[in-house]
N, C-alpha and C. Protein backbone atom coordinates (compact mmCIF):
# COMPACT_ATOMS: atom_id res chain seq x y z
N MET A 1 0.77 -0.89 -0.17
CA MET A 1 0.23 -0.20 -0.06
C MET A 1 0.82 1.44 0.17
N LEU A 2 0.29 2.28 -0.63
CA LEU A 2 1.08 3.66 -0.73
C LEU A 2 1.53 3.80 1.04
N LYS A 3 2.56 4.79 0.97
CA LYS A 3 3.14 5.43 2.38
C LYS A 3 3.74 6.88 1.93
N GLU A 4 3.50 7.08 2.86
CA GLU A 4 2.95 8.79 2.61
C GLU A 4 4.74 9.27 2.70
N ASN A 5 5.37 8.53 3.67
CA ASN A 5 7.03 8.64 3.20
C ASN A 5 7.97 8.51 2.29
N GLN A 6 7.12 7.77 1.23
CA GLN A 6 8.00 7.53 0.33
C GLN A 6 7.79 8.95 -0.97
N PHE A 7 7.07 9.74 -0.47
CA PHE A 7 7.08 10.74 -1.34
C PHE A 7 7.56 12.42 -0.88
N ASP A 8 8.75 11.72 -0.33
CA ASP A 8 8.99 13.13 0.52
C ASP A 8 10.14 13.96 -0.13
N ARG A 9 10.66 15.60 -0.10
CA ARG A 9 11.98 15.95 -0.88
C ARG A 9 12.52 15.29 -2.24
N ASP A 10 12.86 14.48 -1.10
CA ASP A 10 13.81 13.07 -2.39
C ASP A 10 13.42 12.77 -3.60
N TYR A 11 11.84 12.54 -3.46
CA TYR A 11 11.30 12.35 -4.26
C TYR A 11 10.73 13.23 -5.38
N PHE A 12 11.31 14.14 -5.33
CA PHE A 12 11.04 15.00 -5.93
C PHE A 12 11.92 16.00 -6.91
N TYR A 13 13.02 16.00 -6.39
CA TYR A 13 14.13 16.49 -6.17
C TYR A 13 15.73 15.58 -6.37
N GLY A 14 16.38 15.25 -7.92
CA GLY A 14 18.21 14.78 -7.22
C GLY A 14 17.49 13.63 -7.89
N LYS A 15 16.49 12.74 -8.14
CA LYS A 15 16.45 11.58 -8.66
C LYS A 15 16.73 10.11 -7.74
N LYS A 16 16.78 10.35 -6.49
CA LYS A 16 16.90 9.58 -5.58
C LYS A 16 16.34 8.74 -5.17
N LYS A 17 14.85 8.94 -5.75
CA LYS A 17 13.90 7.73 -5.58
C LYS A 17 12.67 7.44 -6.90
N SER A 18 12.75 8.69 -7.44
CA SER A 18 11.92 9.02 -8.92
C SER A 18 12.80 9.12 -10.03
N ASN A 19 11.99 9.49 -11.32
CA ASN A 19 12.83 10.44 -12.49
C ASN A 19 12.96 11.70 -12.38
N TYR A 20 12.45 12.13 -11.23
CA TYR A 20 12.80 13.45 -11.40
C TYR A 20 13.84 14.41 -11.09
N SER A 21 14.88 15.36 -11.45
CA SER A 21 15.46 15.79 -11.41
C SER A 21 15.28 17.32 -10.18
N ASN A 22 14.57 17.80 -10.95
CA ASN A 22 14.27 18.62 -10.22
C ASN A 22 12.28 18.93 -10.94
N TYR A 23 10.98 18.61 -10.09
CA TYR A 23 10.57 18.55 -10.55
C TYR A 23 9.25 20.01 -10.57
N GLU A 24 9.93 21.10 -10.61
CA GLU A 24 9.29 22.08 -11.15
C GLU A 24 9.73 22.80 -11.96
N LYS A 25 10.84 21.99 -12.70
CA LYS A 25 11.27 22.50 -14.07
C LYS A 25 10.20 21.94 -14.87
N ILE A 26 9.65 21.05 -14.74
CA ILE A 26 8.74 20.63 -16.13
C ILE A 26 7.90 21.66 -16.49
N ASN A 27 7.82 21.57 -18.15
CA ASN A 27 7.19 22.54 -18.62
C ASN A 27 5.50 21.94 -18.95
N PHE A 28 4.77 22.43 -17.76
CA PHE A 28 3.16 22.20 -17.06
C PHE A 28 2.17 22.29 -17.75
N GLU A 29 2.62 23.67 -19.07
CA GLU A 29 1.66 23.88 -19.44
C GLU A 29 1.29 22.79 -20.64
N LYS A 30 2.58 22.91 -21.29
CA LYS A 30 2.93 22.09 -22.31
C LYS A 30 2.67 19.94 -22.42
N GLN A 31 2.42 19.85 -20.98
CA GLN A 31 2.43 18.40 -19.86
C GLN A 31 0.82 18.05 -20.02
N PHE A 32 0.49 19.10 -19.78
CA PHE A 32 -1.35 19.41 -19.40
C PHE A 32 -1.76 19.76 -20.35
N LYS A 33 -1.54 20.04 -21.61
CA LYS A 33 -1.94 20.14 -22.59
C LYS A 33 -2.93 19.34 -23.73
N SER A 34 -3.14 18.35 -23.73
CA SER A 34 -3.85 17.17 -24.12
C SER A 34 -4.98 17.35 -23.25
N VAL A 35 -4.65 17.11 -21.63
CA VAL A 35 -5.83 17.29 -20.77
C VAL A 35 -6.98 18.91 -20.96
N ILE A 36 -6.24 19.82 -20.96
CA ILE A 36 -6.61 20.79 -21.25
C ILE A 36 -7.84 21.24 -22.32
N ASN A 37 -6.99 20.52 -23.33
CA ASN A 37 -7.87 20.39 -24.63
C ASN A 37 -9.17 19.55 -24.68
N PHE A 38 -9.06 18.55 -24.25
CA PHE A 38 -9.77 17.44 -24.15
C PHE A 38 -11.15 18.13 -23.01
N ILE A 39 -10.94 19.13 -21.96
CA ILE A 39 -11.42 19.54 -21.22
C ILE A 39 -12.60 21.34 -22.07
N GLN A 40 -11.39 21.46 -22.74
CA GLN A 40 -12.13 22.87 -23.29
C GLN A 40 -12.90 22.09 -24.51
N LYS A 41 -12.89 21.12 -25.18
CA LYS A 41 -13.30 20.61 -26.40
C LYS A 41 -14.70 19.74 -26.02
N ASN A 42 -14.86 19.51 -24.67
CA ASN A 42 -16.25 18.90 -24.15
C ASN A 42 -16.91 20.17 -23.31
N GLN A 43 -16.33 20.77 -23.43
CA GLN A 43 -17.14 22.09 -22.50
C GLN A 43 -17.24 21.60 -21.21
N ILE A 44 -16.39 20.78 -20.31
CA ILE A 44 -16.64 20.39 -18.74
C ILE A 44 -16.27 21.62 -17.67
N THR A 45 -17.16 21.87 -17.09
CA THR A 45 -17.43 22.33 -15.99
C THR A 45 -18.00 21.82 -14.60
N GLY A 46 -17.83 22.98 -13.88
CA GLY A 46 -18.47 22.50 -12.35
C GLY A 46 -17.20 22.36 -11.58
N THR A 47 -17.33 21.11 -11.01
CA THR A 47 -16.22 20.87 -9.86
C THR A 47 -15.52 19.44 -10.57
N PHE A 48 -14.01 20.03 -10.21
CA PHE A 48 -12.51 19.44 -10.25
C PHE A 48 -12.17 19.07 -9.25
N LEU A 49 -11.42 17.86 -9.61
CA LEU A 49 -10.23 16.97 -8.61
C LEU A 49 -9.13 16.39 -8.97
N ASP A 50 -7.75 16.66 -8.97
CA ASP A 50 -6.82 16.21 -9.46
C ASP A 50 -6.14 15.45 -8.17
N VAL A 51 -6.40 14.35 -8.39
CA VAL A 51 -5.51 13.51 -7.73
C VAL A 51 -4.22 12.62 -8.03
N GLY A 52 -3.08 13.02 -6.70
CA GLY A 52 -2.01 13.12 -6.98
C GLY A 52 -1.44 14.51 -7.66
N CYS A 53 -2.04 15.20 -6.69
CA CYS A 53 -1.60 16.84 -7.39
C CYS A 53 0.07 17.21 -7.38
N ALA A 54 0.81 16.89 -6.96
CA ALA A 54 1.76 17.10 -6.23
C ALA A 54 1.78 18.61 -5.65
N PHE A 55 2.64 19.32 -6.49
CA PHE A 55 2.61 21.01 -6.03
C PHE A 55 1.41 21.41 -6.64
N GLY A 56 0.83 21.13 -7.50
CA GLY A 56 -1.01 21.77 -8.10
C GLY A 56 -0.92 22.48 -9.08
N TYR A 57 0.12 22.11 -9.79
CA TYR A 57 0.13 23.23 -10.87
C TYR A 57 -1.01 22.98 -11.99
N LEU A 58 -1.29 21.44 -12.04
CA LEU A 58 -2.73 21.35 -12.65
C LEU A 58 -4.01 22.15 -12.07
N THR A 59 -3.91 22.02 -11.24
CA THR A 59 -5.28 22.70 -10.32
C THR A 59 -5.22 24.26 -10.68
N GLN A 60 -3.94 24.26 -10.95
CA GLN A 60 -3.95 26.10 -11.32
C GLN A 60 -4.36 26.16 -12.52
N LEU A 61 -3.72 25.42 -13.44
CA LEU A 61 -4.46 25.67 -14.75
C LEU A 61 -6.09 25.36 -14.84
N MET A 62 -7.13 25.00 -13.97
CA MET A 62 -7.94 24.59 -14.05
C MET A 62 -9.20 26.05 -14.08
N PHE A 63 -8.79 26.89 -13.39
CA PHE A 63 -9.63 27.85 -12.83
C PHE A 63 -10.17 28.21 -13.38
N PRO A 64 -9.84 28.58 -15.00
CA PRO A 64 -10.65 29.24 -15.74
C PRO A 64 -11.97 27.93 -16.64
N TYR A 65 -12.16 27.09 -15.97
CA TYR A 65 -13.00 26.03 -16.61
C TYR A 65 -13.96 25.37 -15.86
N PHE A 66 -13.45 25.63 -14.38
CA PHE A 66 -14.34 24.89 -13.12
C PHE A 66 -14.47 26.08 -11.86
N ASN A 67 -15.86 25.78 -11.54
CA ASN A 67 -16.42 27.25 -10.33
C ASN A 67 -15.43 26.69 -8.81
N GLU A 68 -15.19 24.85 -8.58
CA GLU A 68 -14.81 24.66 -7.50
C GLU A 68 -13.46 23.61 -7.91
N VAL A 69 -12.37 23.84 -7.75
CA VAL A 69 -11.12 22.95 -8.03
C VAL A 69 -10.09 22.32 -6.80
N HIS A 70 -10.50 20.97 -6.60
CA HIS A 70 -9.58 20.56 -5.62
C HIS A 70 -8.31 19.88 -6.19
N GLY A 71 -7.30 19.24 -5.50
CA GLY A 71 -6.62 18.72 -5.28
C GLY A 71 -6.19 18.13 -3.90
N CYS A 72 -5.82 16.88 -4.33
CA CYS A 72 -5.25 15.89 -3.34
C CYS A 72 -4.05 15.37 -3.65
N ASP A 73 -3.30 14.72 -2.48
CA ASP A 73 -2.37 13.73 -2.74
C ASP A 73 -1.80 13.03 -1.40
N ILE A 74 -0.87 12.14 -1.56
CA ILE A 74 -0.47 11.25 -0.14
C ILE A 74 0.54 11.61 0.52
N SER A 75 1.79 12.84 -0.39
CA SER A 75 2.41 13.42 -0.09
C SER A 75 2.37 14.84 0.88
N SER A 76 2.74 14.72 2.50
CA SER A 76 2.07 15.91 2.61
C SER A 76 3.66 16.72 2.45
N PHE A 77 4.63 16.82 2.00
CA PHE A 77 5.30 17.78 1.18
C PHE A 77 5.20 18.32 0.37
N ALA A 78 4.42 17.42 -0.82
CA ALA A 78 3.82 18.16 -2.12
C ALA A 78 2.92 18.79 -1.68
N ILE A 79 1.86 18.41 -0.84
CA ILE A 79 0.64 19.71 -0.80
C ILE A 79 1.13 20.79 0.45
N ASN A 80 1.96 20.67 0.91
CA ASN A 80 2.29 21.83 1.85
C ASN A 80 2.98 22.96 0.64
N LYS A 81 3.89 22.48 -0.09
CA LYS A 81 4.10 23.30 -1.12
C LYS A 81 2.87 23.60 -1.90
N ALA A 82 1.85 22.74 -2.25
CA ALA A 82 1.08 23.28 -3.04
C ALA A 82 0.48 24.58 -2.47
N LYS A 83 -0.28 24.68 -1.03
CA LYS A 83 -0.90 25.33 -0.56
C LYS A 83 0.15 26.79 -0.27
N ARG A 84 1.13 26.75 -0.15
CA ARG A 84 1.94 27.85 -0.72
C ARG A 84 2.01 28.19 -2.21
N ILE A 85 1.97 27.64 -3.12
CA ILE A 85 1.97 28.51 -4.20
C ILE A 85 1.10 28.85 -4.41
N CYS A 86 -0.40 28.30 -4.33
CA CYS A 86 -1.81 28.52 -5.03
C CYS A 86 -2.68 28.35 -3.61
N SER A 87 -3.07 29.58 -2.82
CA SER A 87 -4.20 29.37 -1.81
C SER A 87 -5.53 29.24 -2.06
N GLU A 88 -6.08 29.21 -3.44
CA GLU A 88 -7.38 29.24 -3.57
C GLU A 88 -7.72 28.03 -4.37
N VAL A 89 -6.39 27.29 -4.45
CA VAL A 89 -7.40 25.55 -4.56
C VAL A 89 -7.21 25.11 -3.04
N LYS A 90 -8.53 23.92 -3.03
CA LYS A 90 -8.52 23.30 -1.90
C LYS A 90 -7.85 22.10 -1.70
N TYR A 91 -6.88 22.15 -1.09
CA TYR A 91 -6.21 20.93 -0.93
C TYR A 91 -5.62 20.55 0.42
N LYS A 92 -5.62 19.02 -0.36
CA LYS A 92 -5.76 17.82 1.35
C LYS A 92 -4.84 16.94 1.12
N ILE A 93 -4.42 15.93 2.00
CA ILE A 93 -3.70 15.04 2.11
C ILE A 93 -4.82 13.77 2.11
N GLU A 94 -4.65 12.84 0.94
CA GLU A 94 -5.22 11.78 0.83
C GLU A 94 -4.52 10.46 0.33
N ASN A 95 -5.00 9.69 0.92
CA ASN A 95 -4.68 7.73 0.50
C ASN A 95 -5.63 7.58 -0.60
N LEU A 96 -5.33 7.15 -1.68
CA LEU A 96 -6.57 6.95 -2.70
C LEU A 96 -6.61 5.34 -2.59
N GLU A 97 -6.02 4.42 -2.18
CA GLU A 97 -5.89 3.12 -1.50
C GLU A 97 -7.35 2.80 -0.80
N LYS A 98 -7.13 3.77 0.42
CA LYS A 98 -7.76 3.99 1.44
C LYS A 98 -9.04 4.37 1.33
N GLY A 99 -9.20 5.32 -0.14
CA GLY A 99 -10.39 5.45 0.06
C GLY A 99 -10.52 7.38 -0.23
N LEU A 100 -11.05 8.54 -1.15
CA LEU A 100 -11.11 9.65 -0.64
C LEU A 100 -12.09 10.53 -0.22
N ASP A 101 -11.80 11.22 0.86
CA ASP A 101 -12.83 11.91 2.06
C ASP A 101 -13.67 13.17 1.39
N TYR A 102 -13.93 12.79 -0.11
CA TYR A 102 -15.13 13.93 -0.43
C TYR A 102 -16.43 13.12 -0.85
N PRO A 103 -17.22 14.02 -1.04
CA PRO A 103 -18.61 13.12 -1.25
C PRO A 103 -19.01 12.37 -2.55
N ASP A 104 -19.76 11.18 -2.00
CA ASP A 104 -19.96 10.71 -3.68
C ASP A 104 -20.27 11.17 -4.44
N GLU A 105 -20.21 10.44 -5.72
CA GLU A 105 -20.52 11.55 -6.90
C GLU A 105 -20.49 12.90 -6.86
N TYR A 106 -19.39 13.53 -6.93
CA TYR A 106 -19.34 15.13 -6.32
C TYR A 106 -18.53 15.63 -7.36
N PHE A 107 -17.92 14.79 -7.81
CA PHE A 107 -16.84 16.04 -9.33
C PHE A 107 -17.43 15.48 -10.58
N ASP A 108 -17.42 16.82 -11.35
CA ASP A 108 -17.65 16.34 -13.12
C ASP A 108 -16.33 16.29 -13.72
N CYS A 109 -15.33 16.73 -13.24
CA CYS A 109 -14.12 16.03 -13.92
C CYS A 109 -13.36 15.45 -12.67
N ILE A 110 -12.78 13.82 -12.88
CA ILE A 110 -11.48 14.04 -11.60
C ILE A 110 -10.42 13.52 -12.89
N THR A 111 -9.12 14.01 -12.46
CA THR A 111 -8.02 13.22 -13.43
C THR A 111 -6.88 12.18 -11.85
N ALA A 112 -6.25 11.75 -12.27
CA ALA A 112 -5.26 11.02 -12.21
C ALA A 112 -3.96 10.31 -12.56
N LEU A 113 -3.18 11.56 -12.93
CA LEU A 113 -2.37 11.29 -14.17
C LEU A 113 -1.09 10.42 -13.15
N ASP A 114 -0.48 9.50 -13.75
CA ASP A 114 0.60 8.87 -13.32
C ASP A 114 0.76 8.31 -11.85
N VAL A 115 -0.66 8.05 -11.55
CA VAL A 115 -0.83 7.76 -10.03
C VAL A 115 -1.27 6.21 -9.49
N LEU A 116 -1.87 5.80 -10.53
CA LEU A 116 -2.49 4.36 -10.35
C LEU A 116 -0.97 3.26 -10.21
N GLU A 117 -0.19 3.67 -10.67
CA GLU A 117 0.72 2.22 -11.34
C GLU A 117 1.70 2.92 -9.41
N HIS A 118 1.48 3.52 -8.97
CA HIS A 118 2.05 3.41 -7.22
C HIS A 118 1.02 2.72 -6.55
N THR A 119 -0.38 2.65 -6.61
CA THR A 119 -0.96 1.84 -5.74
C THR A 119 -1.35 0.48 -6.05
N SER A 120 -0.99 -0.07 -4.77
CA SER A 120 -1.11 -2.09 -4.80
C SER A 120 -2.17 -2.37 -5.40
N SER A 121 -3.39 -1.99 -5.79
CA SER A 121 -4.26 -2.39 -5.99
C SER A 121 -4.97 -1.09 -7.35
N ILE A 122 -4.83 -1.61 -8.72
CA ILE A 122 -5.55 -0.57 -9.46
C ILE A 122 -7.21 -0.84 -9.58
N GLU A 123 -7.52 -2.15 -9.36
CA GLU A 123 -8.90 -2.54 -9.15
C GLU A 123 -9.63 -1.14 -7.83
N ILE A 124 -9.04 -1.56 -6.35
CA ILE A 124 -9.54 -1.04 -5.63
C ILE A 124 -9.36 0.77 -6.36
N SER A 125 -8.22 1.12 -6.51
CA SER A 125 -8.18 2.83 -6.80
C SER A 125 -9.21 2.95 -8.11
N LEU A 126 -9.33 2.69 -8.97
CA LEU A 126 -9.88 2.59 -9.83
C LEU A 126 -11.63 3.06 -9.11
N ASN A 127 -12.01 1.98 -8.87
CA ASN A 127 -13.03 2.20 -8.36
C ASN A 127 -13.04 3.42 -7.31
N ASN A 128 -12.49 4.04 -6.45
CA ASN A 128 -12.46 4.80 -5.67
C ASN A 128 -12.35 5.90 -5.99
N LEU A 129 -11.89 6.07 -7.03
CA LEU A 129 -12.06 7.33 -8.44
C LEU A 129 -13.47 7.21 -8.55
N LYS A 130 -13.78 6.20 -9.06
CA LYS A 130 -15.64 6.58 -10.11
C LYS A 130 -16.51 6.65 -8.81
N SER A 131 -16.12 6.35 -7.40
CA SER A 131 -17.31 6.31 -6.88
C SER A 131 -17.49 7.87 -6.62
N LYS A 132 -16.87 8.78 -6.47
CA LYS A 132 -16.40 10.53 -6.45
C LYS A 132 -16.88 10.52 -7.50
N LEU A 133 -17.12 9.99 -9.20
CA LEU A 133 -17.26 10.98 -10.31
C LEU A 133 -19.48 10.94 -10.25
N LYS A 134 -19.46 12.36 -10.33
CA LYS A 134 -20.86 12.59 -11.12
C LYS A 134 -21.02 11.21 -12.49
N LYS A 135 -22.51 10.90 -12.29
CA LYS A 135 -23.00 10.13 -13.60
C LYS A 135 -22.87 11.41 -14.76
N GLY A 136 -22.01 10.87 -16.01
CA GLY A 136 -22.01 11.60 -16.74
C GLY A 136 -20.65 12.60 -16.67
N GLY A 137 -19.79 12.26 -15.48
CA GLY A 137 -18.78 12.46 -15.42
C GLY A 137 -17.40 12.17 -15.92
N TYR A 138 -16.39 12.92 -15.83
CA TYR A 138 -15.30 12.58 -17.10
C TYR A 138 -13.81 12.14 -16.00
N LEU A 139 -13.50 10.82 -16.28
CA LEU A 139 -12.49 10.71 -15.41
C LEU A 139 -11.05 10.70 -16.39
N ILE A 140 -10.01 10.83 -16.51
CA ILE A 140 -8.86 11.06 -17.14
C ILE A 140 -7.34 10.39 -16.47
N ILE A 141 -7.30 9.22 -17.16
CA ILE A 141 -5.96 8.40 -15.66
C ILE A 141 -4.87 8.65 -17.36
N SER A 142 -3.64 8.42 -16.68
CA SER A 142 -2.52 7.76 -17.33
C SER A 142 -1.75 7.07 -16.19
N LEU A 143 -0.94 5.91 -16.71
CA LEU A 143 -0.09 5.12 -16.40
C LEU A 143 0.60 4.29 -17.54
N PRO A 144 1.78 3.41 -16.71
CA PRO A 144 2.40 2.67 -18.13
C PRO A 144 1.85 1.54 -17.88
N ILE A 145 1.47 0.93 -19.65
CA ILE A 145 1.17 -0.41 -19.35
C ILE A 145 1.99 -1.71 -19.32
N ASN A 146 2.46 -2.42 -19.30
CA ASN A 146 3.32 -3.93 -19.24
C ASN A 146 3.14 -4.50 -21.08
N ASN A 147 3.95 -4.04 -21.96
CA ASN A 147 3.87 -4.77 -22.84
C ASN A 147 5.49 -4.82 -23.56
N LEU A 148 6.12 -5.33 -24.39
CA LEU A 148 7.48 -5.55 -24.69
C LEU A 148 7.98 -4.40 -25.13
N ILE A 149 7.22 -3.20 -25.54
CA ILE A 149 8.13 -2.04 -25.91
C ILE A 149 8.54 -1.35 -24.25
N ARG A 150 7.80 -1.78 -23.27
CA ARG A 150 8.04 -1.04 -22.12
C ARG A 150 9.42 -1.83 -21.79
N LYS A 151 9.62 -2.86 -21.55
CA LYS A 151 10.51 -4.20 -20.72
C LYS A 151 11.56 -3.69 -21.61
N LEU A 152 12.04 -3.49 -23.23
CA LEU A 152 13.15 -2.97 -23.74
C LEU A 152 13.49 -1.64 -23.38
N LEU A 153 12.60 -0.93 -23.05
CA LEU A 153 13.01 0.65 -21.96
C LEU A 153 12.84 0.86 -21.21
N TYR A 154 12.87 -0.42 -20.26
CA TYR A 154 12.78 -0.51 -18.15
C TYR A 154 13.67 0.46 -18.15
N PHE A 155 14.64 0.12 -18.56
CA PHE A 155 16.22 0.91 -17.72
C PHE A 155 15.84 2.38 -17.40
N LEU A 156 14.86 3.35 -18.48
CA LEU A 156 14.44 4.24 -18.64
C LEU A 156 13.40 5.29 -17.47
N ASP A 157 12.72 3.92 -16.51
CA ASP A 157 11.85 4.16 -15.42
C ASP A 157 12.74 3.86 -14.12
N LYS A 158 13.40 4.48 -12.90
CA LYS A 158 13.94 4.81 -12.13
C LYS A 158 12.85 4.68 -10.64
N ASP A 159 11.87 5.07 -11.18
CA ASP A 159 11.00 4.84 -9.97
C ASP A 159 10.09 3.66 -9.07
N LYS A 160 11.02 3.38 -8.03
CA LYS A 160 10.57 2.38 -7.49
C LYS A 160 9.62 2.16 -6.91
N THR A 161 8.74 3.19 -7.04
CA THR A 161 7.14 2.99 -6.03
C THR A 161 6.15 3.01 -7.53
N HIS A 162 7.01 2.88 -8.94
CA HIS A 162 6.46 1.98 -9.73
C HIS A 162 5.72 0.36 -9.26
N ILE A 163 4.98 -0.07 -9.03
CA ILE A 163 4.29 -1.00 -8.15
C ILE A 163 3.49 -1.72 -8.85
N SER A 164 2.66 -1.11 -9.91
CA SER A 164 1.55 -1.88 -10.40
C SER A 164 1.35 -1.42 -11.73
N ILE A 165 2.21 -1.96 -13.07
CA ILE A 165 1.85 -2.26 -14.30
C ILE A 165 1.04 -2.76 -15.03
N PRO A 166 -0.03 -2.48 -15.23
CA PRO A 166 -1.03 -3.79 -16.14
C PRO A 166 -0.68 -4.03 -16.87
N LYS A 167 -1.14 -4.78 -17.89
CA LYS A 167 -1.44 -4.97 -19.45
C LYS A 167 -2.34 -4.53 -19.79
N GLU A 168 -2.33 -4.41 -21.09
CA GLU A 168 -3.17 -2.99 -21.66
C GLU A 168 -4.81 -3.63 -21.35
N LYS A 169 -4.92 -4.96 -21.65
CA LYS A 169 -6.24 -6.11 -21.36
C LYS A 169 -6.39 -6.04 -20.42
N GLU A 170 -5.49 -6.40 -19.48
CA GLU A 170 -6.02 -6.29 -17.92
C GLU A 170 -6.77 -5.08 -17.59
N LEU A 171 -6.14 -3.70 -18.11
CA LEU A 171 -7.00 -2.70 -17.02
C LEU A 171 -8.06 -2.06 -18.06
N PHE A 172 -8.35 -2.77 -19.45
CA PHE A 172 -9.82 -2.36 -20.03
C PHE A 172 -10.51 -3.19 -19.50
N ASN A 173 -10.39 -4.24 -18.99
CA ASN A 173 -11.43 -5.46 -18.60
C ASN A 173 -11.68 -4.69 -17.08
N LEU A 174 -11.09 -4.29 -16.34
CA LEU A 174 -11.57 -3.35 -14.85
C LEU A 174 -12.16 -2.17 -15.41
N ILE A 175 -11.81 -1.62 -17.10
CA ILE A 175 -12.99 -0.03 -17.39
C ILE A 175 -14.20 -0.65 -17.84
N ASN A 176 -14.61 -1.97 -18.49
CA ASN A 176 -15.39 -2.58 -18.77
C ASN A 176 -16.26 -2.59 -18.01
N ARG A 177 -15.50 -3.64 -16.45
CA ARG A 177 -16.25 -4.27 -15.19
C ARG A 177 -16.64 -2.77 -14.93
N TYR A 178 -16.57 -1.77 -14.55
CA TYR A 178 -17.01 -0.30 -13.59
C TYR A 178 -17.88 0.44 -14.54
N LYS A 179 -17.99 -0.22 -15.68
CA LYS A 179 -18.86 0.36 -16.99
C LYS A 179 -18.28 1.98 -16.81
N LEU A 180 -17.23 2.19 -17.67
CA LEU A 180 -16.94 3.23 -17.96
C LEU A 180 -16.50 3.64 -19.39
N ASN A 181 -16.85 4.48 -20.16
CA ASN A 181 -16.78 4.72 -21.68
C ASN A 181 -15.97 5.24 -21.57
N VAL A 182 -14.83 4.53 -22.76
CA VAL A 182 -13.59 5.39 -23.36
C VAL A 182 -13.61 6.18 -24.37
N ILE A 183 -13.81 7.79 -23.99
CA ILE A 183 -13.88 8.53 -24.75
C ILE A 183 -13.16 8.52 -25.97
N GLU A 184 -11.35 8.83 -25.51
CA GLU A 184 -10.31 8.84 -26.14
C GLU A 184 -9.52 8.42 -25.29
N LYS A 185 -8.05 7.85 -26.15
CA LYS A 185 -7.27 7.23 -25.63
C LYS A 185 -5.67 7.66 -26.47
N LYS A 186 -4.80 7.55 -25.91
CA LYS A 186 -3.24 7.96 -26.39
C LYS A 186 -2.36 7.38 -25.56
N TYR A 187 -1.03 7.15 -26.51
CA TYR A 187 -0.03 6.68 -26.20
C TYR A 187 1.05 7.29 -26.64
N PHE A 188 2.09 7.05 -25.30
CA PHE A 188 3.33 7.74 -25.18
C PHE A 188 4.42 7.36 -24.63
N LEU A 189 5.64 7.81 -25.08
CA LEU A 189 6.76 7.83 -24.37
C LEU A 189 7.53 8.92 -23.74
N PRO A 190 7.28 8.42 -21.99
CA PRO A 190 7.57 9.79 -21.12
C PRO A 190 9.36 10.00 -21.06
N PHE A 191 9.50 10.31 -22.12
CA PHE A 191 11.93 10.41 -22.30
C PHE A 191 12.02 11.75 -23.36
N PRO A 192 12.72 12.62 -22.63
CA PRO A 192 13.32 12.54 -21.13
C PRO A 192 11.53 12.61 -20.20
N TYR A 193 12.31 12.49 -19.29
CA TYR A 193 10.31 12.28 -18.22
C TYR A 193 9.46 13.50 -18.53
N PHE A 194 8.70 13.19 -18.95
CA PHE A 194 7.66 14.39 -18.72
C PHE A 194 7.66 14.84 -20.30
N TYR A 195 8.82 14.61 -21.14
CA TYR A 195 8.55 15.06 -22.20
C TYR A 195 7.85 13.59 -23.22
N GLU A 196 6.73 14.11 -23.83
CA GLU A 196 6.04 13.05 -24.71
C GLU A 196 6.46 12.67 -25.98
N ILE A 197 7.01 11.28 -26.38
CA ILE A 197 7.01 11.23 -27.64
C ILE A 197 5.78 10.67 -27.37
N SER A 198 5.11 10.96 -28.79
CA SER A 198 3.70 10.55 -28.60
C SER A 198 3.54 9.41 -29.97
N GLY A 199 2.64 8.26 -29.41
CA GLY A 199 1.99 7.44 -30.16
C GLY A 199 3.42 5.82 -29.73
N VAL A 200 3.74 6.20 -29.14
CA VAL A 200 5.27 4.73 -28.80
C VAL A 200 4.69 4.24 -27.12
N PRO A 201 4.01 2.76 -27.55
CA PRO A 201 2.75 2.60 -26.39
C PRO A 201 3.86 1.88 -25.26
N VAL A 202 4.40 2.79 -23.99
CA VAL A 202 4.84 2.72 -22.87
C VAL A 202 3.81 2.79 -21.82
N GLU A 203 3.09 4.44 -21.96
CA GLU A 203 2.18 4.95 -21.45
C GLU A 203 1.03 4.78 -21.95
N ILE A 204 -0.34 5.02 -21.35
CA ILE A 204 -1.61 5.20 -22.00
C ILE A 204 -2.19 6.25 -21.20
N GLN A 205 -2.81 7.21 -21.80
CA GLN A 205 -3.76 7.83 -21.32
C GLN A 205 -4.84 8.07 -21.64
N LEU A 206 -5.72 7.52 -20.60
CA LEU A 206 -7.66 7.62 -20.89
C LEU A 206 -8.70 8.74 -20.71
N TYR A 207 -9.61 8.58 -21.76
CA TYR A 207 -10.30 10.15 -21.17
C TYR A 207 -11.60 9.05 -21.01
N LEU A 208 -12.34 8.78 -20.05
CA LEU A 208 -13.23 7.91 -19.82
C LEU A 208 -14.85 8.69 -19.20
N LYS A 209 -15.66 8.59 -19.33
CA LYS A 209 -16.47 8.73 -18.88
C LYS A 209 -18.06 7.97 -18.07
N LYS A 210 -18.24 8.24 -17.23
CA LYS A 210 -19.35 7.48 -16.30
C LYS A 210 -20.61 7.40 -16.86
């Protein structure tokens, strides 16, 4: 199960525990461009939650689209930093595997980008996300997938907290079981980390609707 102390300062700086040399230097507007484009195209409004929000960079980009913006993360280090960067977002510490302390069917849009692979049960975590989503709401997830290309490029991934890497078929079986509709999907290779090379099936990003 996820442990809060795994995601301390060393996780976000210096590549001691992860792929990040300096999390703050990532170009987040570019990184989240596809998510923003999807939200704009589908005219999604209302309430928004970013699970695994880290320093809150995605949540800060959501104000033009949503009336209410929330972010949560298991890392107290990340949440404390997010609160200092932007006080307008409602941030709190949450452990996805234990369930999220929000009302059921509350959010119009939830994102969990590069989060599920850190949990010991994608099945439980995906169900916990779905439970907080309104009927007709959107869930956007991204995570690595277990295939031959990833195995060949495995040396690029230094993150030891990536403990659940599903096969694509397994992931879609869960999505079908929870009756989530796939609106869009894309594949990419995060190399260098968080610079996406489109079309290379190492990670998958899914745009789902409840």
